[in-house]
Amino acid sequence: MSPNHKKALAVFVLFLVVDLVAVVCGHVVHWLGGGVLQGVLAGGGAWAILMTLGVTLIALFDFKDDRHPTSSLAGTGYVAPQAPLNQQGTPNP
């Protein structure tokens, strides 16, 4: 898997976990006697803080490319040989 795919997967999983935690946080504040607005604000604040921290932590990691070198030549610097262009004496295709 390419490093960009790994990073995108990590951010997606972070998004799902943070959404769940933020919803639970909002419900807990509402169940403890806060109003609906206070629950929404608590959930939104938890979401913003956790996403900021999570994306920052993900950005600190260096994701490696684990693809086999022969499975993909993209990004390796290898250029496939090209057929010669219209040399003198050869017909046009």
PDB file of N, CA and C in Angstrom:
ATOM      1  N   MET A   1       0.856  -1.163   0.000  1.00  0.00           N
ATOM      2  CA  MET A   1       0.000   0.000   0.000  1.00  0.00           C
ATOM      3  C   MET A   1       0.905   1.229   0.000  1.00  0.00           C
ATOM      4  N   SER A   2       0.526   2.221  -0.774  1.00  0.00           N
ATOM      5  CA  SER A   2       1.358   3.413  -0.866  1.00  0.00           C
ATOM      6  C   SER A   2       1.263   4.236   0.425  1.00  0.00           C
ATOM      7  N   PRO A   3       2.269   5.061   0.682  1.00  0.00           N
ATOM      8  CA  PRO A   3       2.234   5.883   1.897  1.00  0.00           C
ATOM      9  C   PRO A   3       1.023   6.821   1.955  1.00  0.00           C
ATOM     10  N   ASN A   4       0.614   7.346   0.825  1.00  0.00           N
ATOM     11  CA  ASN A   4      -0.551   8.238   0.816  1.00  0.00           C
ATOM     12  C   ASN A   4      -1.830   7.483   1.171  1.00  0.00           C
ATOM     13  N   HIS A   5      -1.952   6.242   0.689  1.00  0.00           N
ATOM     14  CA  HIS A   5      -3.135   5.443   1.043  1.00  0.00           C
ATOM     15  C   HIS A   5      -3.139   5.110   2.530  1.00  0.00           C
ATOM     16  N   LYS A   6      -1.960   4.815   3.070  1.00  0.00           N
ATOM     17  CA  LYS A   6      -1.878   4.512   4.501  1.00  0.00           C
ATOM     18  C   LYS A   6      -2.265   5.729   5.332  1.00  0.00           C
ATOM     19  N   LYS A   7      -1.780   6.897   4.935  1.00  0.00           N
ATOM     20  CA  LYS A   7      -2.097   8.109   5.683  1.00  0.00           C
ATOM     21  C   LYS A   7      -3.589   8.428   5.583  1.00  0.00           C
ATOM     22  N   ALA A   8      -4.168   8.255   4.405  1.00  0.00           N
ATOM     23  CA  ALA A   8      -5.605   8.494   4.229  1.00  0.00           C
ATOM     24  C   ALA A   8      -6.430   7.520   5.066  1.00  0.00           C
ATOM     25  N   LEU A   9      -5.999   6.264   5.120  1.00  0.00           N
ATOM     26  CA  LEU A   9      -6.704   5.281   5.940  1.00  0.00           C
ATOM     27  C   LEU A   9      -6.609   5.638   7.422  1.00  0.00           C
ATOM     28  N   ALA A  10      -5.446   6.093   7.856  1.00  0.00           N
ATOM     29  CA  ALA A  10      -5.277   6.490   9.254  1.00  0.00           C
ATOM     30  C   ALA A  10      -6.180   7.677   9.598  1.00  0.00           C
ATOM     31  N   VAL A  11      -6.275   8.648   8.707  1.00  0.00           N
ATOM     32  CA  VAL A  11      -7.135   9.813   8.957  1.00  0.00           C
ATOM     33  C   VAL A  11      -8.606   9.391   8.949  1.00  0.00           C
ATOM     34  N   PHE A  12      -8.981   8.461   8.074  1.00  0.00           N
ATOM     35  CA  PHE A  12     -10.359   7.992   8.031  1.00  0.00           C
ATOM     36  C   PHE A  12     -10.738   7.267   9.321  1.00  0.00           C
ATOM     37  N   VAL A  13      -9.859   6.388   9.797  1.00  0.00           N
ATOM     38  CA  VAL A  13     -10.122   5.687  11.054  1.00  0.00           C
ATOM     39  C   VAL A  13     -10.182   6.681  12.205  1.00  0.00           C
ATOM     40  N   LEU A  14      -9.283   7.648  12.214  1.00  0.00           N
ATOM     41  CA  LEU A  14      -9.316   8.695  13.236  1.00  0.00           C
ATOM     42  C   LEU A  14     -10.655   9.424  13.203  1.00  0.00           C
ATOM     43  N   PHE A  15     -11.124   9.764  12.000  1.00  0.00           N
ATOM     44  CA  PHE A  15     -12.395  10.467  11.856  1.00  0.00           C
ATOM     45  C   PHE A  15     -13.544   9.655  12.447  1.00  0.00           C
ATOM     46  N   LEU A  16     -13.578   8.352  12.165  1.00  0.00           N
ATOM     47  CA  LEU A  16     -14.653   7.517  12.705  1.00  0.00           C
ATOM     48  C   LEU A  16     -14.596   7.436  14.230  1.00  0.00           C
ATOM     49  N   VAL A  17     -13.404   7.245  14.779  1.00  0.00           N
ATOM     50  CA  VAL A  17     -13.266   7.131  16.236  1.00  0.00           C
ATOM     51  C   VAL A  17     -13.612   8.448  16.913  1.00  0.00           C
ATOM     52  N   VAL A  18     -13.133   9.560  16.363  1.00  0.00           N
ATOM     53  CA  VAL A  18     -13.398  10.873  16.969  1.00  0.00           C
ATOM     54  C   VAL A  18     -14.880  11.201  16.886  1.00  0.00           C
ATOM     55  N   ASP A  19     -15.541  10.845  15.785  1.00  0.00           N
ATOM     56  CA  ASP A  19     -16.987  11.069  15.700  1.00  0.00           C
ATOM     57  C   ASP A  19     -17.727  10.318  16.807  1.00  0.00           C
ATOM     58  N   LEU A  20     -17.354   9.077  17.013  1.00  0.00           N
ATOM     59  CA  LEU A  20     -17.989   8.275  18.060  1.00  0.00           C
ATOM     60  C   LEU A  20     -17.755   8.884  19.437  1.00  0.00           C
ATOM     61  N   VAL A  21     -16.522   9.278  19.719  1.00  0.00           N
ATOM     62  CA  VAL A  21     -16.193   9.870  21.023  1.00  0.00           C
ATOM     63  C   VAL A  21     -16.932  11.198  21.215  1.00  0.00           C
ATOM     64  N   ALA A  22     -17.020  12.004  20.172  1.00  0.00           N
ATOM     65  CA  ALA A  22     -17.701  13.296  20.283  1.00  0.00           C
ATOM     66  C   ALA A  22     -19.199  13.113  20.541  1.00  0.00           C
ATOM     67  N   VAL A  23     -19.813  12.145  19.877  1.00  0.00           N
ATOM     68  CA  VAL A  23     -21.248  11.896  20.101  1.00  0.00           C
ATOM     69  C   VAL A  23     -21.481  11.413  21.526  1.00  0.00           C
ATOM     70  N   VAL A  24     -20.628  10.509  21.999  1.00  0.00           N
ATOM     71  CA  VAL A  24     -20.763  10.022  23.375  1.00  0.00           C
ATOM     72  C   VAL A  24     -20.563  11.168  24.359  1.00  0.00           C
ATOM     73  N   CYS A  25     -19.572  12.012  24.115  1.00  0.00           N
ATOM     74  CA  CYS A  25     -19.316  13.158  25.002  1.00  0.00           C
ATOM     75  C   CYS A  25     -20.531  14.092  25.060  1.00  0.00           C
ATOM     76  N   GLY A  26     -21.101  14.384  23.909  1.00  0.00           N
ATOM     77  CA  GLY A  26     -22.288  15.237  23.878  1.00  0.00           C
ATOM     78  C   GLY A  26     -23.463  14.622  24.620  1.00  0.00           C
ATOM     79  N   HIS A  27     -23.678  13.326  24.455  1.00  0.00           N
ATOM     80  CA  HIS A  27     -24.769  12.653  25.147  1.00  0.00           C
ATOM     81  C   HIS A  27     -24.536  12.621  26.660  1.00  0.00           C
ATOM     82  N   VAL A  28     -23.306  12.396  27.074  1.00  0.00           N
ATOM     83  CA  VAL A  28     -23.010  12.363  28.511  1.00  0.00           C
ATOM     84  C   VAL A  28     -23.284  13.726  29.142  1.00  0.00           C
ATOM     85  N   VAL A  29     -22.868  14.793  28.483  1.00  0.00           N
ATOM     86  CA  VAL A  29     -23.128  16.139  29.021  1.00  0.00           C
ATOM     87  C   VAL A  29     -24.631  16.384  29.086  1.00  0.00           C
ATOM     88  N   HIS A  30     -25.359  15.969  28.079  1.00  0.00           N
ATOM     89  CA  HIS A  30     -26.815  16.159  28.082  1.00  0.00           C
ATOM     90  C   HIS A  30     -27.463  15.330  29.190  1.00  0.00           C
ATOM     91  N   TRP A  31     -27.015  14.077  29.384  1.00  0.00           N
ATOM     92  CA  TRP A  31     -27.584  13.214  30.426  1.00  0.00           C
ATOM     93  C   TRP A  31     -27.255  13.713  31.821  1.00  0.00           C
ATOM     94  N   LEU A  32     -26.155  14.420  31.977  1.00  0.00           N
ATOM     95  CA  LEU A  32     -25.776  14.923  33.294  1.00  0.00           C
ATOM     96  C   LEU A  32     -26.505  16.215  33.657  1.00  0.00           C
ATOM     97  N   GLY A  33     -27.435  16.611  32.850  1.00  0.00           N
ATOM     98  CA  GLY A  33     -28.263  17.749  33.222  1.00  0.00           C
ATOM     99  C   GLY A  33     -28.022  18.992  32.383  1.00  0.00           C
ATOM    100  N   GLY A  34     -27.097  18.932  31.464  1.00  0.00           N
ATOM    101  CA  GLY A  34     -26.884  20.075  30.580  1.00  0.00           C
ATOM    102  C   GLY A  34     -27.968  20.116  29.527  1.00  0.00           C
ATOM    103  N   GLY A  35     -28.143  21.251  28.945  1.00  0.00           N
ATOM    104  CA  GLY A  35     -29.138  21.371  27.886  1.00  0.00           C
ATOM    105  C   GLY A  35     -28.633  20.765  26.593  1.00  0.00           C
ATOM    106  N   VAL A  36     -29.498  20.809  25.593  1.00  0.00           N
ATOM    107  CA  VAL A  36     -29.127  20.275  24.279  1.00  0.00           C
ATOM    108  C   VAL A  36     -27.986  21.087  23.691  1.00  0.00           C
ATOM    109  N   LEU A  37     -28.043  22.387  23.823  1.00  0.00           N
ATOM    110  CA  LEU A  37     -26.989  23.252  23.289  1.00  0.00           C
ATOM    111  C   LEU A  37     -25.651  22.962  23.964  1.00  0.00           C
ATOM    112  N   GLN A  38     -25.666  22.745  25.266  1.00  0.00           N
ATOM    113  CA  GLN A  38     -24.426  22.420  25.964  1.00  0.00           C
ATOM    114  C   GLN A  38     -23.875  21.067  25.521  1.00  0.00           C
ATOM    115  N   GLY A  39     -24.745  20.123  25.255  1.00  0.00           N
ATOM    116  CA  GLY A  39     -24.306  18.819  24.742  1.00  0.00           C
ATOM    117  C   GLY A  39     -23.681  18.935  23.364  1.00  0.00           C
ATOM    118  N   VAL A  40     -24.312  19.738  22.515  1.00  0.00           N
ATOM    119  CA  VAL A  40     -23.776  19.946  21.162  1.00  0.00           C
ATOM    120  C   VAL A  40     -22.428  20.659  21.233  1.00  0.00           C
ATOM    121  N   LEU A  41     -22.332  21.660  22.077  1.00  0.00           N
ATOM    122  CA  LEU A  41     -21.068  22.387  22.221  1.00  0.00           C
ATOM    123  C   LEU A  41     -19.966  21.491  22.784  1.00  0.00           C
ATOM    124  N   ALA A  42     -20.304  20.641  23.737  1.00  0.00           N
ATOM    125  CA  ALA A  42     -19.308  19.728  24.305  1.00  0.00           C
ATOM    126  C   ALA A  42     -18.848  18.713  23.256  1.00  0.00           C
ATOM    127  N   GLY A  43     -19.782  18.162  22.512  1.00  0.00           N
ATOM    128  CA  GLY A  43     -19.423  17.209  21.460  1.00  0.00           C
ATOM    129  C   GLY A  43     -18.607  17.857  20.358  1.00  0.00           C
ATOM    130  N   GLY A  44     -19.005  19.051  19.954  1.00  0.00           N
ATOM    131  CA  GLY A  44     -18.264  19.772  18.919  1.00  0.00           C
ATOM    132  C   GLY A  44     -16.875  20.164  19.380  1.00  0.00           C
ATOM    133  N   GLY A  45     -16.770  20.598  20.618  1.00  0.00           N
ATOM    134  CA  GLY A  45     -15.453  20.948  21.161  1.00  0.00           C
ATOM    135  C   GLY A  45     -14.552  19.743  21.277  1.00  0.00           C
ATOM    136  N   ALA A  46     -15.106  18.620  21.730  1.00  0.00           N
ATOM    137  CA  ALA A  46     -14.324  17.389  21.821  1.00  0.00           C
ATOM    138  C   ALA A  46     -13.883  16.943  20.434  1.00  0.00           C
ATOM    139  N   TRP A  47     -14.770  17.049  19.459  1.00  0.00           N
ATOM    140  CA  TRP A  47     -14.429  16.650  18.100  1.00  0.00           C
ATOM    141  C   TRP A  47     -13.289  17.507  17.550  1.00  0.00           C
ATOM    142  N   ALA A  48     -13.389  18.821  17.722  1.00  0.00           N
ATOM    143  CA  ALA A  48     -12.365  19.722  17.189  1.00  0.00           C
ATOM    144  C   ALA A  48     -11.002  19.469  17.836  1.00  0.00           C
ATOM    145  N   ILE A  49     -10.995  19.309  19.140  1.00  0.00           N
ATOM    146  CA  ILE A  49      -9.725  19.097  19.843  1.00  0.00           C
ATOM    147  C   ILE A  49      -9.114  17.749  19.458  1.00  0.00           C
ATOM    148  N   LEU A  50      -9.926  16.686  19.445  1.00  0.00           N
ATOM    149  CA  LEU A  50      -9.401  15.356  19.135  1.00  0.00           C
ATOM    150  C   LEU A  50      -8.953  15.233  17.684  1.00  0.00           C
ATOM    151  N   MET A  51      -9.677  15.839  16.755  1.00  0.00           N
ATOM    152  CA  MET A  51      -9.250  15.799  15.353  1.00  0.00           C
ATOM    153  C   MET A  51      -7.948  16.561  15.160  1.00  0.00           C
ATOM    154  N   THR A  52      -7.817  17.710  15.800  1.00  0.00           N
ATOM    155  CA  THR A  52      -6.582  18.484  15.686  1.00  0.00           C
ATOM    156  C   THR A  52      -5.398  17.695  16.226  1.00  0.00           C
ATOM    157  N   LEU A  53      -5.554  17.111  17.399  1.00  0.00           N
ATOM    158  CA  LEU A  53      -4.477  16.313  17.984  1.00  0.00           C
ATOM    159  C   LEU A  53      -4.179  15.069  17.146  1.00  0.00           C
ATOM    160  N   GLY A  54      -5.208  14.409  16.674  1.00  0.00           N
ATOM    161  CA  GLY A  54      -5.019  13.187  15.896  1.00  0.00           C
ATOM    162  C   GLY A  54      -4.340  13.426  14.567  1.00  0.00           C
ATOM    163  N   VAL A  55      -4.773  14.449  13.837  1.00  0.00           N
ATOM    164  CA  VAL A  55      -4.148  14.755  12.548  1.00  0.00           C
ATOM    165  C   VAL A  55      -2.703  15.201  12.757  1.00  0.00           C
ATOM    166  N   THR A  56      -2.451  15.937  13.818  1.00  0.00           N
ATOM    167  CA  THR A  56      -1.079  16.350  14.127  1.00  0.00           C
ATOM    168  C   THR A  56      -0.200  15.141  14.416  1.00  0.00           C
ATOM    169  N   LEU A  57      -0.708  14.192  15.191  1.00  0.00           N
ATOM    170  CA  LEU A  57       0.069  12.987  15.487  1.00  0.00           C
ATOM    171  C   LEU A  57       0.284  12.124  14.247  1.00  0.00           C
ATOM    172  N   ILE A  58      -0.720  12.007  13.392  1.00  0.00           N
ATOM    173  CA  ILE A  58      -0.568  11.236  12.163  1.00  0.00           C
ATOM    174  C   ILE A  58       0.473  11.877  11.257  1.00  0.00           C
ATOM    175  N   ALA A  59       0.487  13.205  11.206  1.00  0.00           N
ATOM    176  CA  ALA A  59       1.459  13.901  10.358  1.00  0.00           C
ATOM    177  C   ALA A  59       2.892  13.695  10.831  1.00  0.00           C
ATOM    178  N   LEU A  60       3.095  13.381  12.099  1.00  0.00           N
ATOM    179  CA  LEU A  60       4.442  13.168  12.612  1.00  0.00           C
ATOM    180  C   LEU A  60       5.053  11.849  12.152  1.00  0.00           C
ATOM    181  N   PHE A  61       4.224  10.879  11.779  1.00  0.00           N
ATOM    182  CA  PHE A  61       4.728   9.564  11.401  1.00  0.00           C
ATOM    183  C   PHE A  61       5.101   9.527   9.928  1.00  0.00           C
ATOM    184  N   ASP A  62       6.169   8.795   9.632  1.00  0.00           N
ATOM    185  CA  ASP A  62       6.629   8.612   8.264  1.00  0.00           C
ATOM    186  C   ASP A  62       6.120   7.265   7.777  1.00  0.00           C
ATOM    187  N   PHE A  63       5.133   7.269   6.909  1.00  0.00           N
ATOM    188  CA  PHE A  63       4.560   6.035   6.396  1.00  0.00           C
ATOM    189  C   PHE A  63       5.445   5.508   5.275  1.00  0.00           C
ATOM    190  N   LYS A  64       5.740   4.216   5.314  1.00  0.00           N
ATOM    191  CA  LYS A  64       6.630   3.583   4.337  1.00  0.00           C
ATOM    192  C   LYS A  64       5.825   2.897   3.240  1.00  0.00           C
ATOM    193  N   ASP A  65       6.462   2.747   2.088  1.00  0.00           N
ATOM    194  CA  ASP A  65       5.869   2.053   0.963  1.00  0.00           C
ATOM    195  C   ASP A  65       6.158   0.564   1.111  1.00  0.00           C
ATOM    196  N   ASP A  66       5.122  -0.275   1.229  1.00  0.00           N
ATOM    197  CA  ASP A  66       5.347  -1.703   1.414  1.00  0.00           C
ATOM    198  C   ASP A  66       5.025  -2.517   0.168  1.00  0.00           C
ATOM    199  N   ARG A  67       4.893  -1.842  -0.972  1.00  0.00           N
ATOM    200  CA  ARG A  67       4.642  -2.567  -2.220  1.00  0.00           C
ATOM    201  C   ARG A  67       5.916  -3.258  -2.676  1.00  0.00           C
ATOM    202  N   HIS A  68       5.757  -4.384  -3.323  1.00  0.00           N
ATOM    203  CA  HIS A  68       6.898  -5.102  -3.866  1.00  0.00           C
ATOM    204  C   HIS A  68       7.449  -4.297  -5.042  1.00  0.00           C
ATOM    205  N   PRO A  69       8.765  -4.183  -5.181  1.00  0.00           N
ATOM    206  CA  PRO A  69       9.335  -3.338  -6.233  1.00  0.00           C
ATOM    207  C   PRO A  69       8.899  -3.721  -7.642  1.00  0.00           C
ATOM    208  N   THR A  70       8.602  -4.990  -7.907  1.00  0.00           N
ATOM    209  CA  THR A  70       8.206  -5.375  -9.252  1.00  0.00           C
ATOM    210  C   THR A  70       6.712  -5.219  -9.495  1.00  0.00           C
ATOM    211  N   SER A  71       5.936  -4.984  -8.456  1.00  0.00           N
ATOM    212  CA  SER A  71       4.492  -4.863  -8.654  1.00  0.00           C
ATOM    213  C   SER A  71       4.104  -3.512  -9.227  1.00  0.00           C
ATOM    214  N   SER A  72       4.906  -2.508  -9.007  1.00  0.00           N
ATOM    215  CA  SER A  72       4.614  -1.183  -9.526  1.00  0.00           C
ATOM    216  C   SER A  72       5.915  -0.463  -9.802  1.00  0.00           C
ATOM    217  N   LEU A  73       5.997   0.128 -10.961  1.00  0.00           N
ATOM    218  CA  LEU A  73       7.204   0.858 -11.321  1.00  0.00           C
ATOM    219  C   LEU A  73       7.044   2.353 -11.086  1.00  0.00           C
ATOM    220  N   ALA A  74       5.879   2.780 -10.609  1.00  0.00           N
ATOM    221  CA  ALA A  74       5.648   4.209 -10.364  1.00  0.00           C
ATOM    222  C   ALA A  74       6.510   4.674  -9.198  1.00  0.00           C
ATOM    223  N   GLY A  75       7.164   5.784  -9.385  1.00  0.00           N
ATOM    224  CA  GLY A  75       7.957   6.376  -8.325  1.00  0.00           C
ATOM    225  C   GLY A  75       9.324   5.751  -8.139  1.00  0.00           C
ATOM    226  N   THR A  76       9.714   4.810  -9.021  1.00  0.00           N
ATOM    227  CA  THR A  76      11.012   4.164  -8.870  1.00  0.00           C
ATOM    228  C   THR A  76      12.083   4.817  -9.718  1.00  0.00           C
ATOM    229  N   GLY A  77      11.685   5.689 -10.612  1.00  0.00           N
ATOM    230  CA  GLY A  77      12.652   6.310 -11.509  1.00  0.00           C
ATOM    231  C   GLY A  77      12.881   5.490 -12.761  1.00  0.00           C
ATOM    232  N   TYR A  78      12.233   4.338 -12.862  1.00  0.00           N
ATOM    233  CA  TYR A  78      12.383   3.479 -14.031  1.00  0.00           C
ATOM    234  C   TYR A  78      11.509   4.011 -15.149  1.00  0.00           C
ATOM    235  N   VAL A  79      12.101   4.131 -16.322  1.00  0.00           N
ATOM    236  CA  VAL A  79      11.349   4.571 -17.499  1.00  0.00           C
ATOM    237  C   VAL A  79      11.404   3.437 -18.512  1.00  0.00           C
ATOM    238  N   ALA A  80      10.271   3.005 -18.971  1.00  0.00           N
ATOM    239  CA  ALA A  80      10.207   1.918 -19.942  1.00  0.00           C
ATOM    240  C   ALA A  80      10.806   2.372 -21.262  1.00  0.00           C
ATOM    241  N   PRO A  81      11.513   1.492 -21.938  1.00  0.00           N
ATOM    242  CA  PRO A  81      12.103   1.879 -23.221  1.00  0.00           C
ATOM    243  C   PRO A  81      11.010   2.206 -24.227  1.00  0.00           C
ATOM    244  N   GLN A  82      11.276   3.195 -25.023  1.00  0.00           N
ATOM    245  CA  GLN A  82      10.312   3.655 -26.023  1.00  0.00           C
ATOM    246  C   GLN A  82      10.788   3.214 -27.407  1.00  0.00           C
ATOM    247  N   ALA A  83       9.852   2.993 -28.296  1.00  0.00           N
ATOM    248  CA  ALA A  83      10.202   2.675 -29.673  1.00  0.00           C
ATOM    249  C   ALA A  83      10.808   3.921 -30.313  1.00  0.00           C
ATOM    250  N   PRO A  84      11.816   3.754 -31.141  1.00  0.00           N
ATOM    251  CA  PRO A  84      12.429   4.932 -31.771  1.00  0.00           C
ATOM    252  C   PRO A  84      11.420   5.641 -32.660  1.00  0.00           C
ATOM    253  N   LEU A  85      11.522   6.947 -32.662  1.00  0.00           N
ATOM    254  CA  LEU A  85      10.611   7.743 -33.470  1.00  0.00           C
ATOM    255  C   LEU A  85      11.092   7.743 -34.932  1.00  0.00           C
ATOM    256  N   ASN A  86      10.277   7.558 -35.830  1.00  0.00           N
ATOM    257  CA  ASN A  86      10.411   7.705 -37.260  1.00  0.00           C
ATOM    258  C   ASN A  86      11.837   7.923 -37.750  1.00  0.00           C
ATOM    259  N   GLN A  87      12.637   6.864 -37.747  1.00  0.00           N
ATOM    260  CA  GLN A  87      13.994   6.953 -38.258  1.00  0.00           C
ATOM    261  C   GLN A  87      13.958   7.016 -39.787  1.00  0.00           C
ATOM    262  N   GLN A  88      15.012   7.570 -40.342  1.00  0.00           N
ATOM    263  CA  GLN A  88      15.053   7.714 -41.786  1.00  0.00           C
ATOM    264  C   GLN A  88      15.081   6.329 -42.428  1.00  0.00           C
ATOM    265  N   GLY A  89      14.223   6.173 -43.423  1.00  0.00           N
ATOM    266  CA  GLY A  89      14.168   4.919 -44.135  1.00  0.00           C
ATOM    267  C   GLY A  89      13.110   3.979 -43.607  1.00  0.00           C
ATOM    268  N   THR A  90      12.447   4.320 -42.521  1.00  0.00           N
ATOM    269  CA  THR A  90      11.377   3.464 -42.009  1.00  0.00           C
ATOM    270  C   THR A  90      10.034   4.098 -42.342  1.00  0.00           C
ATOM    271  N   PRO A  91       9.062   3.296 -42.697  1.00  0.00           N
ATOM    272  CA  PRO A  91       7.755   3.874 -43.052  1.00  0.00           C
ATOM    273  C   PRO A  91       7.039   4.394 -41.817  1.00  0.00           C
ATOM    274  N   ASN A  92       6.153   5.369 -42.030  1.00  0.00           N
ATOM    275  CA  ASN A  92       5.306   5.876 -40.934  1.00  0.00           C
ATOM    276  C   ASN A  92       4.275   4.821 -40.583  1.00  0.00           C
ATOM    277  N   PRO A  93       3.959   4.677 -39.320  1.00  0.00           N
ATOM    278  CA  PRO A  93       2.928   3.676 -38.946  1.00  0.00           C
ATOM    279  C   PRO A  93       1.541   4.096 -39.354  1.00  0.00           C
TER     280      PRO A  93
END
